Amino acid sequence: MKKTPDLIDRHVGNRVRMRRMLMKMSQEKLGEALGLTFQQIQKYEKGLNRIGASRLQQISKTLNVSPSFFFEGAPTIVGAATPADAPAGFEEEAQSQYVVDFMSTAEGVHLNRSFARIKNPKVRRRLVELIAALADAEDGGDETPGPQE
């Protein structure tokens, strides 16, 4: 029977991958810095192998982030205590996991880097509107209100 990765391990691995890619660091370079093979880094990033606390500390130092960075936006454990103002249901959690998954891909990192380089806020807003309109058209509906020029 094939073991499926734990949601938290997968999330932490995705965050490692996203940060590594944002820093333009290869799996091999990260592995070298940690004394590991790139195959071990691959397993961490896929959530197949759990990252221990001391190893996470090493990774956070190498990638110049705090250890808490890897848990930002992590899925909550069913039955765990949550703040009173936490959203009910799973829809928002699934959407946030999709964003984390996308941002850990090469495409997501490239899009994010490129978008961040655009300085003009009007151009950035127009790009967001364009992307939303394209996504709505693909879904078969046009729900995005925008200026009609």
N, C-alpha and C. Protein backbone atom coordinates (compact mmCIF):
# COMPACT_ATOMS: atom_id res chain seq x y z
N MET A 1 0.84 -1.18 0.00
CA MET A 1 0.00 0.00 0.00
C MET A 1 0.89 1.25 0.00
N LYS A 2 0.57 2.18 -0.87
CA LYS A 2 1.36 3.40 -1.01
C LYS A 2 0.97 4.42 0.06
N LYS A 3 1.97 4.96 0.72
CA LYS A 3 1.75 5.95 1.77
C LYS A 3 1.54 7.33 1.15
N THR A 4 0.50 8.03 1.58
CA THR A 4 0.27 9.39 1.09
C THR A 4 0.91 10.37 2.07
N PRO A 5 1.50 11.45 1.52
CA PRO A 5 2.17 12.43 2.40
C PRO A 5 1.17 13.11 3.34
N ASP A 6 1.61 13.38 4.55
CA ASP A 6 0.84 14.14 5.51
C ASP A 6 0.63 15.56 4.98
N LEU A 7 -0.54 16.14 5.21
CA LEU A 7 -0.84 17.49 4.69
C LEU A 7 0.16 18.54 5.18
N ILE A 8 0.53 18.47 6.44
CA ILE A 8 1.48 19.45 6.98
C ILE A 8 2.86 19.25 6.37
N ASP A 9 3.30 17.99 6.25
CA ASP A 9 4.60 17.71 5.63
C ASP A 9 4.62 18.21 4.19
N ARG A 10 3.52 18.02 3.48
CA ARG A 10 3.42 18.47 2.09
C ARG A 10 3.46 20.00 2.03
N HIS A 11 2.74 20.64 2.94
CA HIS A 11 2.72 22.11 2.98
C HIS A 11 4.12 22.66 3.26
N VAL A 12 4.78 22.12 4.28
CA VAL A 12 6.13 22.58 4.63
C VAL A 12 7.07 22.35 3.44
N GLY A 13 6.96 21.20 2.80
CA GLY A 13 7.79 20.91 1.63
C GLY A 13 7.55 21.89 0.48
N ASN A 14 6.27 22.22 0.27
CA ASN A 14 5.93 23.21 -0.77
C ASN A 14 6.54 24.57 -0.46
N ARG A 15 6.52 24.94 0.81
CA ARG A 15 7.09 26.24 1.21
C ARG A 15 8.62 26.22 1.04
N VAL A 16 9.25 25.09 1.32
CA VAL A 16 10.70 24.96 1.11
C VAL A 16 10.98 25.15 -0.38
N ARG A 17 10.22 24.46 -1.22
CA ARG A 17 10.41 24.55 -2.68
C ARG A 17 10.20 25.98 -3.17
N MET A 18 9.12 26.61 -2.71
CA MET A 18 8.81 27.97 -3.15
C MET A 18 9.95 28.92 -2.77
N ARG A 19 10.42 28.85 -1.54
CA ARG A 19 11.49 29.75 -1.10
C ARG A 19 12.79 29.47 -1.85
N ARG A 20 13.11 28.20 -2.03
CA ARG A 20 14.32 27.82 -2.74
C ARG A 20 14.28 28.36 -4.17
N MET A 21 13.14 28.25 -4.82
CA MET A 21 13.00 28.73 -6.19
C MET A 21 13.05 30.26 -6.26
N LEU A 22 12.45 30.92 -5.27
CA LEU A 22 12.52 32.38 -5.23
C LEU A 22 13.96 32.86 -5.11
N MET A 23 14.77 32.07 -4.44
CA MET A 23 16.18 32.42 -4.27
C MET A 23 17.04 31.93 -5.45
N LYS A 24 16.38 31.31 -6.44
CA LYS A 24 17.06 30.77 -7.62
C LYS A 24 18.15 29.77 -7.21
N MET A 25 17.80 28.93 -6.26
CA MET A 25 18.72 27.91 -5.75
C MET A 25 18.25 26.55 -6.23
N SER A 26 19.17 25.74 -6.72
CA SER A 26 18.81 24.39 -7.17
C SER A 26 18.67 23.46 -5.96
N GLN A 27 18.00 22.32 -6.20
CA GLN A 27 17.90 21.31 -5.15
C GLN A 27 19.30 20.82 -4.78
N GLU A 28 20.16 20.73 -5.77
CA GLU A 28 21.52 20.28 -5.52
C GLU A 28 22.27 21.25 -4.60
N LYS A 29 22.14 22.56 -4.86
CA LYS A 29 22.82 23.56 -4.03
C LYS A 29 22.30 23.54 -2.60
N LEU A 30 20.98 23.43 -2.44
CA LEU A 30 20.42 23.36 -1.10
C LEU A 30 20.91 22.11 -0.40
N GLY A 31 20.92 21.00 -1.11
CA GLY A 31 21.42 19.75 -0.55
C GLY A 31 22.87 19.87 -0.10
N GLU A 32 23.70 20.49 -0.93
CA GLU A 32 25.11 20.68 -0.58
C GLU A 32 25.24 21.50 0.71
N ALA A 33 24.45 22.56 0.81
CA ALA A 33 24.51 23.42 1.99
C ALA A 33 24.10 22.68 3.27
N LEU A 34 23.25 21.66 3.10
CA LEU A 34 22.75 20.91 4.25
C LEU A 34 23.46 19.57 4.44
N GLY A 35 24.35 19.22 3.51
CA GLY A 35 25.02 17.93 3.59
C GLY A 35 24.11 16.78 3.18
N LEU A 36 23.21 17.05 2.23
CA LEU A 36 22.24 16.06 1.78
C LEU A 36 22.32 15.91 0.26
N THR A 37 21.70 14.86 -0.26
CA THR A 37 21.60 14.70 -1.71
C THR A 37 20.40 15.48 -2.22
N PHE A 38 20.41 15.79 -3.52
CA PHE A 38 19.25 16.49 -4.08
C PHE A 38 18.01 15.60 -4.03
N GLN A 39 18.21 14.27 -4.03
CA GLN A 39 17.06 13.36 -3.92
C GLN A 39 16.36 13.51 -2.57
N GLN A 40 17.15 13.73 -1.51
CA GLN A 40 16.55 13.94 -0.20
C GLN A 40 15.77 15.25 -0.18
N ILE A 41 16.30 16.28 -0.82
CA ILE A 41 15.58 17.56 -0.92
C ILE A 41 14.27 17.35 -1.66
N GLN A 42 14.30 16.57 -2.74
CA GLN A 42 13.07 16.27 -3.49
C GLN A 42 12.03 15.61 -2.58
N LYS A 43 12.47 14.66 -1.78
CA LYS A 43 11.54 13.97 -0.88
C LYS A 43 10.96 14.93 0.16
N TYR A 44 11.79 15.83 0.68
CA TYR A 44 11.29 16.84 1.62
C TYR A 44 10.25 17.72 0.94
N GLU A 45 10.57 18.19 -0.27
CA GLU A 45 9.68 19.12 -0.97
C GLU A 45 8.34 18.48 -1.35
N LYS A 46 8.34 17.19 -1.59
CA LYS A 46 7.09 16.49 -1.93
C LYS A 46 6.32 16.05 -0.68
N GLY A 47 6.96 16.21 0.48
CA GLY A 47 6.31 15.79 1.72
C GLY A 47 6.43 14.31 1.97
N LEU A 48 7.22 13.61 1.17
CA LEU A 48 7.38 12.16 1.35
C LEU A 48 8.19 11.85 2.60
N ASN A 49 9.16 12.70 2.91
CA ASN A 49 9.95 12.57 4.14
C ASN A 49 9.67 13.77 5.02
N ARG A 50 9.44 13.51 6.28
CA ARG A 50 9.18 14.57 7.25
C ARG A 50 10.49 15.28 7.60
N ILE A 51 10.42 16.60 7.73
CA ILE A 51 11.59 17.39 8.09
C ILE A 51 11.61 17.56 9.60
N GLY A 52 12.67 17.09 10.24
CA GLY A 52 12.82 17.22 11.69
C GLY A 52 13.10 18.67 12.08
N ALA A 53 12.94 18.96 13.35
CA ALA A 53 13.09 20.33 13.85
C ALA A 53 14.48 20.90 13.59
N SER A 54 15.53 20.14 13.87
CA SER A 54 16.88 20.67 13.67
C SER A 54 17.17 20.87 12.19
N ARG A 55 16.67 19.98 11.36
CA ARG A 55 16.86 20.12 9.91
C ARG A 55 16.08 21.34 9.40
N LEU A 56 14.89 21.55 9.92
CA LEU A 56 14.10 22.71 9.51
C LEU A 56 14.82 24.00 9.89
N GLN A 57 15.45 23.99 11.04
CA GLN A 57 16.25 25.14 11.48
C GLN A 57 17.39 25.40 10.50
N GLN A 58 18.07 24.34 10.07
CA GLN A 58 19.16 24.47 9.08
C GLN A 58 18.63 25.03 7.76
N ILE A 59 17.51 24.49 7.32
CA ILE A 59 16.91 24.94 6.06
C ILE A 59 16.51 26.41 6.15
N SER A 60 15.93 26.79 7.28
CA SER A 60 15.50 28.18 7.43
C SER A 60 16.69 29.14 7.39
N LYS A 61 17.80 28.75 8.00
CA LYS A 61 19.01 29.59 7.95
C LYS A 61 19.55 29.67 6.53
N THR A 62 19.58 28.55 5.84
CA THR A 62 20.10 28.51 4.47
C THR A 62 19.24 29.34 3.52
N LEU A 63 17.92 29.31 3.74
CA LEU A 63 17.00 30.03 2.85
C LEU A 63 16.64 31.43 3.38
N ASN A 64 17.28 31.84 4.47
CA ASN A 64 17.10 33.18 5.04
C ASN A 64 15.65 33.52 5.41
N VAL A 65 15.00 32.60 6.08
CA VAL A 65 13.65 32.83 6.60
C VAL A 65 13.57 32.23 8.00
N SER A 66 12.56 32.63 8.74
CA SER A 66 12.37 32.03 10.06
C SER A 66 11.68 30.67 9.89
N PRO A 67 11.86 29.77 10.85
CA PRO A 67 11.19 28.47 10.75
C PRO A 67 9.67 28.60 10.62
N SER A 68 9.10 29.63 11.20
CA SER A 68 7.64 29.80 11.12
C SER A 68 7.16 30.05 9.69
N PHE A 69 8.05 30.54 8.82
CA PHE A 69 7.70 30.77 7.42
C PHE A 69 7.12 29.51 6.78
N PHE A 70 7.66 28.36 7.13
CA PHE A 70 7.25 27.12 6.50
C PHE A 70 5.85 26.66 6.91
N PHE A 71 5.32 27.26 7.98
CA PHE A 71 3.99 26.87 8.46
C PHE A 71 2.91 27.89 8.11
N GLU A 72 3.30 29.03 7.53
CA GLU A 72 2.31 30.05 7.17
C GLU A 72 1.32 29.48 6.18
N GLY A 73 0.03 29.63 6.49
CA GLY A 73 -1.02 29.14 5.61
C GLY A 73 -1.21 27.64 5.65
N ALA A 74 -0.61 26.98 6.63
CA ALA A 74 -0.74 25.52 6.73
C ALA A 74 -2.17 25.12 7.03
N PRO A 75 -2.60 23.97 6.50
CA PRO A 75 -3.95 23.50 6.80
C PRO A 75 -4.08 23.19 8.29
N THR A 76 -5.25 23.45 8.82
CA THR A 76 -5.47 23.18 10.24
C THR A 76 -5.86 21.73 10.44
N ILE A 77 -5.54 21.21 11.59
CA ILE A 77 -5.85 19.82 11.92
C ILE A 77 -7.27 19.76 12.43
N VAL A 78 -8.06 18.83 11.90
CA VAL A 78 -9.45 18.66 12.31
C VAL A 78 -9.50 18.37 13.80
N GLY A 79 -10.34 19.13 14.50
CA GLY A 79 -10.49 18.94 15.93
C GLY A 79 -9.55 19.78 16.76
N ALA A 80 -8.60 20.45 16.11
CA ALA A 80 -7.66 21.29 16.86
C ALA A 80 -8.33 22.60 17.24
N ALA A 81 -7.85 23.19 18.33
CA ALA A 81 -8.40 24.48 18.77
C ALA A 81 -8.05 25.55 17.74
N THR A 82 -9.03 26.37 17.37
CA THR A 82 -8.81 27.45 16.41
C THR A 82 -9.35 28.74 16.99
N PRO A 83 -8.84 29.88 16.55
CA PRO A 83 -9.36 31.14 17.04
C PRO A 83 -10.84 31.29 16.70
N ALA A 84 -11.54 32.07 17.52
CA ALA A 84 -12.99 32.26 17.32
C ALA A 84 -13.30 32.90 15.99
N ASP A 85 -12.37 33.71 15.46
CA ASP A 85 -12.63 34.39 14.19
C ASP A 85 -12.14 33.59 12.98
N ALA A 86 -11.76 32.32 13.17
CA ALA A 86 -11.30 31.49 12.05
C ALA A 86 -12.48 31.18 11.14
N PRO A 87 -12.25 31.11 9.82
CA PRO A 87 -13.33 30.84 8.89
C PRO A 87 -13.87 29.43 9.07
N ALA A 88 -15.18 29.30 8.92
CA ALA A 88 -15.81 28.00 9.03
C ALA A 88 -15.73 27.30 7.68
N GLY A 89 -15.68 25.98 7.70
CA GLY A 89 -15.69 25.22 6.46
C GLY A 89 -14.30 25.00 5.89
N PHE A 90 -14.29 24.29 4.78
CA PHE A 90 -13.02 23.91 4.19
C PHE A 90 -12.74 24.62 2.87
N GLU A 91 -13.69 25.35 2.32
CA GLU A 91 -13.51 25.97 1.01
C GLU A 91 -12.33 26.93 0.99
N GLU A 92 -12.22 27.78 1.98
CA GLU A 92 -11.13 28.75 2.02
C GLU A 92 -9.79 28.04 2.20
N GLU A 93 -9.78 27.00 3.03
CA GLU A 93 -8.55 26.24 3.25
C GLU A 93 -8.09 25.56 1.97
N ALA A 94 -9.02 24.96 1.21
CA ALA A 94 -8.67 24.31 -0.05
C ALA A 94 -8.14 25.32 -1.04
N GLN A 95 -8.77 26.51 -1.10
CA GLN A 95 -8.32 27.56 -2.00
C GLN A 95 -6.91 28.01 -1.63
N SER A 96 -6.66 28.19 -0.34
CA SER A 96 -5.34 28.64 0.10
C SER A 96 -4.29 27.57 -0.19
N GLN A 97 -4.64 26.29 -0.08
CA GLN A 97 -3.70 25.22 -0.40
C GLN A 97 -3.39 25.23 -1.90
N TYR A 98 -4.40 25.51 -2.72
CA TYR A 98 -4.19 25.60 -4.16
C TYR A 98 -3.20 26.71 -4.48
N VAL A 99 -3.34 27.84 -3.82
CA VAL A 99 -2.42 28.97 -4.04
C VAL A 99 -1.01 28.58 -3.63
N VAL A 100 -0.87 27.94 -2.48
CA VAL A 100 0.46 27.51 -2.02
C VAL A 100 1.05 26.51 -3.02
N ASP A 101 0.23 25.56 -3.48
CA ASP A 101 0.71 24.58 -4.46
C ASP A 101 1.17 25.27 -5.74
N PHE A 102 0.36 26.21 -6.24
CA PHE A 102 0.71 26.92 -7.47
C PHE A 102 1.98 27.74 -7.28
N MET A 103 2.09 28.43 -6.14
CA MET A 103 3.25 29.30 -5.91
C MET A 103 4.54 28.51 -5.75
N SER A 104 4.44 27.21 -5.51
CA SER A 104 5.66 26.42 -5.38
C SER A 104 6.07 25.80 -6.71
N THR A 105 5.33 26.11 -7.79
CA THR A 105 5.74 25.64 -9.11
C THR A 105 6.64 26.68 -9.75
N ALA A 106 7.38 26.24 -10.76
CA ALA A 106 8.26 27.17 -11.49
C ALA A 106 7.43 28.28 -12.11
N GLU A 107 6.26 27.94 -12.66
CA GLU A 107 5.36 28.92 -13.26
C GLU A 107 4.91 29.97 -12.25
N GLY A 108 4.51 29.52 -11.08
CA GLY A 108 4.04 30.43 -10.03
C GLY A 108 5.13 31.37 -9.55
N VAL A 109 6.32 30.83 -9.37
CA VAL A 109 7.44 31.65 -8.91
C VAL A 109 7.79 32.68 -9.98
N HIS A 110 7.82 32.25 -11.26
CA HIS A 110 8.15 33.16 -12.36
C HIS A 110 7.10 34.28 -12.47
N LEU A 111 5.82 33.91 -12.38
CA LEU A 111 4.74 34.89 -12.45
C LEU A 111 4.86 35.90 -11.31
N ASN A 112 5.10 35.41 -10.11
CA ASN A 112 5.20 36.27 -8.93
C ASN A 112 6.39 37.22 -9.05
N ARG A 113 7.54 36.70 -9.45
CA ARG A 113 8.73 37.53 -9.62
C ARG A 113 8.49 38.63 -10.66
N SER A 114 7.93 38.23 -11.79
CA SER A 114 7.70 39.18 -12.87
C SER A 114 6.70 40.25 -12.47
N PHE A 115 5.62 39.83 -11.83
CA PHE A 115 4.58 40.77 -11.41
C PHE A 115 5.15 41.77 -10.40
N ALA A 116 5.98 41.29 -9.48
CA ALA A 116 6.55 42.17 -8.45
C ALA A 116 7.48 43.23 -9.05
N ARG A 117 8.02 42.97 -10.24
CA ARG A 117 8.91 43.93 -10.88
C ARG A 117 8.14 45.08 -11.53
N ILE A 118 6.84 44.93 -11.72
CA ILE A 118 6.03 46.00 -12.32
C ILE A 118 5.76 47.06 -11.26
N LYS A 119 6.23 48.25 -11.49
CA LYS A 119 6.14 49.31 -10.49
C LYS A 119 4.84 50.10 -10.56
N ASN A 120 4.26 50.23 -11.74
CA ASN A 120 3.07 51.05 -11.92
C ASN A 120 1.83 50.33 -11.36
N PRO A 121 1.19 50.89 -10.31
CA PRO A 121 0.03 50.22 -9.70
C PRO A 121 -1.15 50.07 -10.65
N LYS A 122 -1.32 51.02 -11.59
CA LYS A 122 -2.41 50.91 -12.57
C LYS A 122 -2.19 49.71 -13.49
N VAL A 123 -0.96 49.52 -13.93
CA VAL A 123 -0.64 48.39 -14.80
C VAL A 123 -0.86 47.09 -14.03
N ARG A 124 -0.43 47.04 -12.78
CA ARG A 124 -0.63 45.84 -11.97
C ARG A 124 -2.12 45.52 -11.82
N ARG A 125 -2.92 46.56 -11.52
CA ARG A 125 -4.37 46.36 -11.36
C ARG A 125 -4.99 45.85 -12.66
N ARG A 126 -4.58 46.44 -13.79
CA ARG A 126 -5.11 46.02 -15.10
C ARG A 126 -4.74 44.56 -15.40
N LEU A 127 -3.55 44.18 -15.03
CA LEU A 127 -3.15 42.79 -15.25
C LEU A 127 -4.01 41.83 -14.43
N VAL A 128 -4.27 42.20 -13.20
CA VAL A 128 -5.13 41.37 -12.34
C VAL A 128 -6.53 41.27 -12.97
N GLU A 129 -7.05 42.41 -13.45
CA GLU A 129 -8.37 42.41 -14.10
C GLU A 129 -8.37 41.53 -15.35
N LEU A 130 -7.29 41.62 -16.15
CA LEU A 130 -7.18 40.81 -17.36
C LEU A 130 -7.17 39.33 -17.03
N ILE A 131 -6.37 38.95 -16.06
CA ILE A 131 -6.28 37.55 -15.67
C ILE A 131 -7.61 37.05 -15.13
N ALA A 132 -8.29 37.87 -14.32
CA ALA A 132 -9.60 37.48 -13.79
C ALA A 132 -10.60 37.31 -14.94
N ALA A 133 -10.58 38.22 -15.93
CA ALA A 133 -11.49 38.13 -17.08
C ALA A 133 -11.21 36.87 -17.89
N LEU A 134 -9.93 36.55 -18.09
CA LEU A 134 -9.58 35.34 -18.84
C LEU A 134 -10.05 34.08 -18.09
N ALA A 135 -9.86 34.07 -16.77
CA ALA A 135 -10.29 32.93 -15.97
C ALA A 135 -11.81 32.80 -16.00
N ASP A 136 -12.52 33.94 -15.90
CA ASP A 136 -13.99 33.91 -15.95
C ASP A 136 -14.48 33.41 -17.31
N ALA A 137 -13.82 33.85 -18.39
CA ALA A 137 -14.21 33.42 -19.73
C ALA A 137 -14.01 31.91 -19.87
N GLU A 138 -12.95 31.40 -19.27
CA GLU A 138 -12.69 29.97 -19.32
C GLU A 138 -13.73 29.19 -18.52
N ASP A 139 -14.21 29.80 -17.42
CA ASP A 139 -15.24 29.18 -16.60
C ASP A 139 -16.63 29.30 -17.23
N GLY A 140 -16.74 30.15 -18.24
CA GLY A 140 -18.03 30.31 -18.92
C GLY A 140 -18.85 31.46 -18.40
N GLY A 141 -18.31 32.27 -17.51
CA GLY A 141 -19.07 33.41 -16.98
C GLY A 141 -18.18 34.61 -16.87
N ASP A 142 -18.79 35.78 -16.83
CA ASP A 142 -18.01 37.02 -16.67
C ASP A 142 -18.51 37.71 -15.42
N GLU A 143 -17.90 37.34 -14.27
CA GLU A 143 -18.33 37.88 -12.99
C GLU A 143 -17.51 39.06 -12.52
N THR A 144 -16.46 39.40 -13.27
CA THR A 144 -15.55 40.44 -12.83
C THR A 144 -16.00 41.79 -13.31
N PRO A 145 -16.48 42.66 -12.37
CA PRO A 145 -16.82 44.00 -12.80
C PRO A 145 -15.54 44.78 -13.01
N GLY A 146 -15.48 45.52 -14.06
CA GLY A 146 -14.30 46.31 -14.33
C GLY A 146 -14.70 47.55 -15.08
N PRO A 147 -13.80 48.51 -15.18
CA PRO A 147 -14.12 49.74 -15.90
C PRO A 147 -14.32 49.46 -17.38
N GLN A 148 -15.32 50.04 -17.93
CA GLN A 148 -15.63 49.88 -19.35
C GLN A 148 -15.07 51.08 -20.09
N GLU A 149 -13.99 50.89 -20.79
CA GLU A 149 -13.38 51.99 -21.53
C GLU A 149 -13.42 51.74 -22.99
